[in-house]
C-alpha cells in the first residue's frame, strides 16, 4: 500500500477514546472535501471529544494522534461569511 501523508497535520476530534498501547480509538477529520473517520492511535489514553493533531499515517485508514490545544485560540468568525479571521488580521 502506498503511503498517504495528506492527513498529517490535520486537526480532528476523537469520536471514540484512545487507550494508548492497549488499542485505538477513532478520529473524525475534514478530509477530501468532507468528513472522514480513521482509527486513531496515541501514546497515552485520550478521552472522547479530545481535539487531536494527526502526526503520522499508519496505513489503511489508521493514524497516530496527539492531544492538541490551539495556541492562538479560536479565531472569531464573521457573520454570514466563510472566511476565518486569523490572529493579527
Foldseek 3Di string as FASTA:
>chain_A
DDFDCVQAFWKWFFQFKQAAPVAWGKTWTCDPNRIDIATEHENHIDHGGFIWGFHADPDDRYTYIDGDDPPQPAFDDDPPDPDTDDPPD
